[in-house]
N, C-alpha and C. Protein backbone atom coordinates (compact mmCIF):
# COMPACT_ATOMS: atom_id res chain seq x y z
N MET A 1 114.45 117.39 103.12
CA MET A 1 113.22 118.12 103.92
C MET A 1 113.28 119.00 103.89
N ALA A 2 112.89 120.11 104.02
CA ALA A 2 113.04 121.24 104.24
C ALA A 2 112.96 121.83 105.59
N LEU A 3 113.67 122.62 106.20
CA LEU A 3 113.74 123.05 107.65
C LEU A 3 112.56 123.31 108.25
N SER A 4 112.21 123.07 109.23
CA SER A 4 110.58 123.42 109.43
C SER A 4 110.95 124.82 111.04
N PHE A 5 110.27 125.70 111.23
CA PHE A 5 110.36 126.41 111.94
C PHE A 5 109.59 126.01 113.33
N LYS A 6 108.88 125.22 113.22
CA LYS A 6 107.76 124.74 113.77
C LYS A 6 108.48 123.75 115.20
N HIS A 7 108.41 123.96 116.54
CA HIS A 7 109.23 123.26 117.16
C HIS A 7 108.41 122.18 118.27
N THR A 8 108.25 121.29 117.70
CA THR A 8 107.39 119.78 118.07
C THR A 8 108.31 118.81 119.34
N PHE A 9 107.18 118.70 119.76
CA PHE A 9 107.56 117.70 121.01
C PHE A 9 106.76 116.70 121.19
N GLY A 10 107.36 114.96 121.57
CA GLY A 10 106.75 114.49 121.74
C GLY A 10 107.28 113.09 122.44
N GLN A 11 107.04 111.82 122.36
CA GLN A 11 107.73 110.76 123.01
C GLN A 11 107.71 109.92 121.85
N ILE A 12 108.96 109.04 122.43
CA ILE A 12 109.95 108.32 121.37
C ILE A 12 110.05 107.20 122.90
N ASP A 13 109.61 106.12 122.81
CA ASP A 13 110.06 105.12 123.65
C ASP A 13 109.69 105.36 124.93
N GLY A 14 108.70 106.37 125.48
CA GLY A 14 108.32 106.69 126.60
C GLY A 14 109.25 107.92 127.33
N THR A 15 110.12 108.41 126.43
CA THR A 15 110.95 109.68 126.97
C THR A 15 110.48 110.72 125.97
N ARG A 16 110.76 111.86 126.75
CA ARG A 16 110.10 113.10 125.88
C ARG A 16 111.03 113.46 125.05
N VAL A 17 110.74 114.20 123.87
CA VAL A 17 111.98 114.20 123.28
C VAL A 17 111.38 115.61 122.00
N SER A 18 112.19 116.53 121.40
CA SER A 18 111.92 117.20 120.37
C SER A 18 112.37 116.92 119.30
N PHE A 19 111.39 116.70 118.52
CA PHE A 19 111.55 116.26 117.01
C PHE A 19 112.46 116.71 116.20
N VAL A 20 113.35 116.23 115.42
CA VAL A 20 114.40 116.83 114.54
C VAL A 20 113.64 116.74 113.03
N GLU A 21 113.20 115.69 112.56
CA GLU A 21 112.32 115.30 111.60
C GLU A 21 111.81 113.89 111.18
N SER A 22 110.55 113.91 110.43
CA SER A 22 110.00 112.71 110.23
C SER A 22 110.19 112.41 108.98
N ASN A 23 109.75 110.90 108.91
CA ASN A 23 109.41 110.44 107.72
C ASN A 23 110.74 110.68 107.12
N LEU A 24 111.70 110.05 107.57
CA LEU A 24 113.26 109.86 106.85
C LEU A 24 113.32 108.57 106.24
N THR A 25 114.16 108.21 105.19
CA THR A 25 115.05 107.06 105.00
C THR A 25 115.55 106.52 105.80
N GLN A 26 116.57 105.39 105.66
CA GLN A 26 117.34 104.91 106.49
C GLN A 26 118.96 105.88 106.33
N LYS A 27 119.50 106.01 105.09
CA LYS A 27 120.19 106.79 105.06
C LYS A 27 120.28 108.39 105.56
N ARG A 28 119.31 109.00 105.45
CA ARG A 28 118.84 110.06 105.94
C ARG A 28 118.99 110.31 107.39
N MET A 29 118.30 109.10 108.19
CA MET A 29 118.45 109.12 109.69
C MET A 29 119.68 108.65 109.94
N GLU A 30 120.60 107.87 109.51
CA GLU A 30 121.58 107.33 109.71
C GLU A 30 122.71 108.79 109.77
N PHE A 31 122.89 109.66 108.72
CA PHE A 31 123.36 110.42 108.88
C PHE A 31 123.48 111.51 109.86
N LEU A 32 121.74 112.34 109.60
CA LEU A 32 121.25 113.13 110.93
C LEU A 32 121.74 112.52 112.42
N LYS A 33 121.16 111.06 112.16
CA LYS A 33 122.03 110.50 114.07
C LYS A 33 123.75 110.62 114.35
N SER A 34 124.68 110.10 113.44
CA SER A 34 125.72 110.75 113.54
C SER A 34 125.94 111.90 113.79
N LEU A 35 125.23 112.88 112.90
CA LEU A 35 125.67 114.52 113.16
C LEU A 35 125.52 114.85 114.86
N LEU A 36 123.94 114.75 115.30
CA LEU A 36 123.38 115.04 116.23
C LEU A 36 124.19 114.03 117.14
N GLU A 37 124.91 113.25 117.43
CA GLU A 37 125.69 112.42 118.33
C GLU A 37 127.13 113.15 118.36
N LEU A 38 127.37 113.42 117.37
CA LEU A 38 128.47 113.80 117.34
C LEU A 38 128.76 115.15 118.09
N ASN A 39 127.38 116.15 117.89
CA ASN A 39 127.50 117.18 118.44
C ASN A 39 126.95 117.14 119.90
N GLY A 40 126.96 116.39 120.57
CA GLY A 40 126.51 115.74 121.95
C GLY A 40 125.12 115.50 122.35
N PHE A 41 124.72 115.10 121.33
CA PHE A 41 123.33 115.11 121.39
C PHE A 41 122.61 113.81 121.74
N THR A 42 121.62 113.56 122.66
CA THR A 42 120.85 111.65 122.90
C THR A 42 120.35 111.95 121.39
N VAL A 43 120.07 111.01 120.76
CA VAL A 43 119.16 110.76 119.51
C VAL A 43 118.42 109.38 119.94
N LEU A 44 116.98 109.64 119.89
CA LEU A 44 116.25 108.64 119.66
C LEU A 44 115.55 108.53 118.09
N VAL A 45 115.71 107.01 118.10
CA VAL A 45 114.85 106.74 116.64
C VAL A 45 113.64 105.92 116.66
N GLN A 46 112.25 106.26 116.17
CA GLN A 46 111.36 105.00 115.85
C GLN A 46 111.17 105.30 114.56
N THR A 47 110.63 103.86 114.67
CA THR A 47 110.42 103.34 113.24
C THR A 47 108.79 103.52 112.85
N ASP A 48 108.51 104.34 112.04
CA ASP A 48 107.05 104.85 111.54
C ASP A 48 106.47 103.49 110.79
N ALA A 49 105.06 103.58 111.50
CA ALA A 49 104.42 102.11 111.10
C ALA A 49 104.01 102.67 109.53
N ALA A 50 104.29 101.64 108.70
CA ALA A 50 103.64 101.61 106.99
C ALA A 50 102.63 101.50 107.15
N LYS A 51 102.21 102.40 105.79
CA LYS A 51 100.67 102.48 105.47
C LYS A 51 100.36 101.29 104.90
N ASP A 52 101.11 100.97 104.11
CA ASP A 52 100.88 99.13 103.63
C ASP A 52 102.38 98.66 103.08
N GLU A 53 101.87 97.36 102.93
CA GLU A 53 103.20 96.61 102.82
C GLU A 53 104.07 97.16 101.81
N SER A 54 103.54 97.89 100.84
CA SER A 54 104.53 98.05 99.57
C SER A 54 105.30 99.27 100.12
N ALA A 55 105.00 100.16 101.02
CA ALA A 55 105.82 101.26 101.45
C ALA A 55 107.12 101.17 102.04
N GLN A 56 107.78 101.96 101.58
CA GLN A 56 109.67 101.73 102.39
C GLN A 56 109.06 102.40 103.63
N VAL A 57 110.05 101.74 104.53
CA VAL A 57 110.25 102.22 106.03
C VAL A 57 110.69 103.27 106.19
N SER A 58 110.18 104.13 107.08
CA SER A 58 110.75 105.32 107.53
C SER A 58 110.84 105.33 108.88
N PHE A 59 111.18 106.30 109.22
CA PHE A 59 111.76 106.77 110.61
C PHE A 59 111.29 107.98 110.99
N THR A 60 111.18 108.54 112.22
CA THR A 60 111.21 109.73 112.92
C THR A 60 112.41 109.80 114.01
N LEU A 61 112.93 110.95 113.91
CA LEU A 61 114.20 111.00 114.93
C LEU A 61 114.07 112.07 116.21
N GLY A 62 114.42 111.64 117.08
CA GLY A 62 114.17 113.25 118.01
C GLY A 62 115.51 113.32 119.07
N VAL A 63 115.76 114.26 119.53
CA VAL A 63 116.79 114.72 120.72
C VAL A 63 115.80 114.60 122.11
N THR A 64 116.78 114.46 123.05
CA THR A 64 116.36 114.65 124.26
C THR A 64 116.45 115.61 124.77
N ASP A 65 117.23 116.67 124.14
CA ASP A 65 117.23 117.97 124.81
C ASP A 65 115.80 118.94 124.14
N LEU A 66 115.21 119.43 124.99
CA LEU A 66 113.76 119.87 124.61
C LEU A 66 113.96 121.16 124.30
N LEU A 67 115.29 122.09 124.01
CA LEU A 67 115.33 123.27 123.59
C LEU A 67 116.23 123.13 122.15
N PHE A 68 115.80 121.72 122.09
CA PHE A 68 116.83 121.88 120.04
C PHE A 68 116.12 122.17 119.49
N ASN A 69 116.11 122.93 118.54
CA ASN A 69 115.46 123.31 117.45
C ASN A 69 116.61 123.55 116.42
N ALA A 70 116.23 123.02 115.42
CA ALA A 70 117.48 122.82 114.39
C ALA A 70 117.38 124.08 113.38
N VAL A 71 116.77 124.87 113.12
CA VAL A 71 116.97 126.15 112.71
C VAL A 71 117.81 127.02 113.65
N ILE A 72 117.27 126.84 114.78
CA ILE A 72 118.05 127.85 115.53
C ILE A 72 119.32 127.75 115.80
N TRP A 73 119.74 125.78 116.08
CA TRP A 73 120.98 125.62 115.84
C TRP A 73 121.98 125.38 114.91
N ILE A 74 121.31 125.67 113.32
CA ILE A 74 122.08 125.52 112.06
C ILE A 74 122.24 127.29 111.93
N TYR A 75 121.73 128.22 111.77
CA TYR A 75 121.54 129.33 112.04
C TYR A 75 122.66 130.28 112.96
N ASP A 76 122.38 129.77 114.16
CA ASP A 76 123.32 130.28 115.23
C ASP A 76 124.79 129.86 115.25
N ARG A 77 124.73 128.78 113.91
CA ARG A 77 126.29 128.42 113.91
C ARG A 77 127.05 127.63 115.07
N ARG A 78 125.82 126.94 115.89
CA ARG A 78 126.54 125.91 116.83
C ARG A 78 126.51 124.74 116.57
N LEU A 79 126.31 124.04 115.44
CA LEU A 79 126.60 122.88 114.97
C LEU A 79 127.60 122.59 114.49
N LYS A 80 128.26 121.33 114.22
CA LYS A 80 129.64 121.14 113.58
C LYS A 80 129.39 119.72 112.57
N THR A 81 130.13 120.04 111.61
CA THR A 81 130.27 118.90 110.62
C THR A 81 131.02 117.85 111.26
N LEU A 82 131.02 116.48 110.39
CA LEU A 82 131.58 115.15 110.82
C LEU A 82 133.08 115.55 110.93
N ASP A 83 133.44 116.50 109.88
CA ASP A 83 134.85 117.20 110.18
C ASP A 83 135.22 118.07 110.68
N GLY A 84 134.56 118.47 112.05
CA GLY A 84 135.11 119.66 112.83
C GLY A 84 134.59 121.27 111.97
N ARG A 85 134.12 121.24 110.91
CA ARG A 85 133.46 122.66 110.56
C ARG A 85 132.32 123.24 110.98
N ILE A 86 131.90 124.53 110.52
CA ILE A 86 130.77 124.64 111.03
C ILE A 86 129.82 124.57 109.88
N LEU A 87 128.61 124.06 110.33
CA LEU A 87 127.39 123.25 109.85
C LEU A 87 126.63 124.30 108.84
N THR A 88 126.12 124.30 107.87
CA THR A 88 125.78 125.10 106.70
C THR A 88 124.18 124.63 106.48
N HIS A 89 123.32 125.14 106.30
CA HIS A 89 122.09 124.40 106.11
C HIS A 89 122.32 123.78 104.68
N GLU A 90 123.07 124.01 103.52
CA GLU A 90 123.26 123.01 102.83
C GLU A 90 123.86 121.66 103.21
N TYR A 91 124.62 121.63 104.09
CA TYR A 91 125.42 120.46 104.81
C TYR A 91 124.11 119.43 105.07
N TRP A 92 123.24 120.35 106.11
CA TRP A 92 122.46 119.68 106.99
C TRP A 92 121.20 119.51 106.09
N GLU A 93 121.08 119.82 104.98
CA GLU A 93 119.99 119.32 103.73
C GLU A 93 120.64 118.06 103.04
N GLN A 94 121.98 117.73 102.89
CA GLN A 94 122.72 117.01 102.56
C GLN A 94 122.63 117.64 100.83
N ALA A 95 122.81 118.29 100.35
CA ALA A 95 122.83 119.15 99.28
C ALA A 95 124.38 119.26 98.70
N THR A 96 125.34 119.19 99.79
CA THR A 96 127.00 119.32 99.36
C THR A 96 127.36 118.97 100.60
N ASP A 97 128.75 118.32 100.26
CA ASP A 97 129.47 117.91 101.69
C ASP A 97 130.57 118.94 102.07
N SER A 98 130.34 120.01 101.23
CA SER A 98 131.21 120.83 101.98
C SER A 98 130.52 122.23 102.47
N SER A 99 131.35 122.68 103.47
CA SER A 99 130.90 123.55 103.92
C SER A 99 131.17 125.02 103.45
N LYS A 100 131.73 125.20 102.74
CA LYS A 100 132.76 126.06 101.52
C LYS A 100 131.73 126.25 100.40
N PRO A 101 131.70 127.19 99.18
CA PRO A 101 131.78 128.98 99.99
C PRO A 101 130.51 128.96 100.73
N GLN A 102 130.74 130.19 101.97
CA GLN A 102 129.42 130.57 102.83
C GLN A 102 128.64 131.50 101.31
N TYR A 103 127.55 131.53 102.36
CA TYR A 103 126.63 132.41 101.04
C TYR A 103 126.80 133.99 100.46
N TRP A 104 127.50 134.30 101.82
CA TRP A 104 128.18 135.46 100.88
C TRP A 104 129.63 135.78 100.26
N GLU A 105 129.92 134.83 99.81
CA GLU A 105 131.11 134.55 99.13
C GLU A 105 130.49 133.93 97.54
N GLN A 106 129.28 133.08 97.24
CA GLN A 106 128.63 132.81 96.12
C GLN A 106 128.61 133.75 95.22
N ASN A 107 128.86 133.42 93.91
CA ASN A 107 128.75 133.91 92.50
C ASN A 107 127.34 134.08 92.42
N LEU A 108 126.50 134.55 92.09
CA LEU A 108 125.06 134.79 91.97
C LEU A 108 124.90 135.57 90.27
N LYS A 109 124.69 134.15 89.28
CA LYS A 109 124.54 134.47 87.86
C LYS A 109 123.03 134.80 87.52
N SER A 110 122.88 135.83 86.92
CA SER A 110 121.54 136.42 86.19
C SER A 110 121.42 135.74 85.13
């Protein structure tokens, strides 16, 4: 899921949260939950209502820190990976397991 610049708020189990992502798979939800908890956030997860019986279960994830916005925290280099390195956009999107190379070190092929 692409990062959203829109900062949305709501409630999960009666607690005000800043939504991180919604319509998540089980695997993505577990990845983000462990990542955010490692970075000191209190994470709440809500199971989304299925539209029909054949639909896959999806989740909405939020943090109790109402100032949290994933875009700001990622690009301000405030988040750490599971192994303690600085988190990159590609790591957040689970496009890579590495935080290297940085964007300025990549070879662009024409």
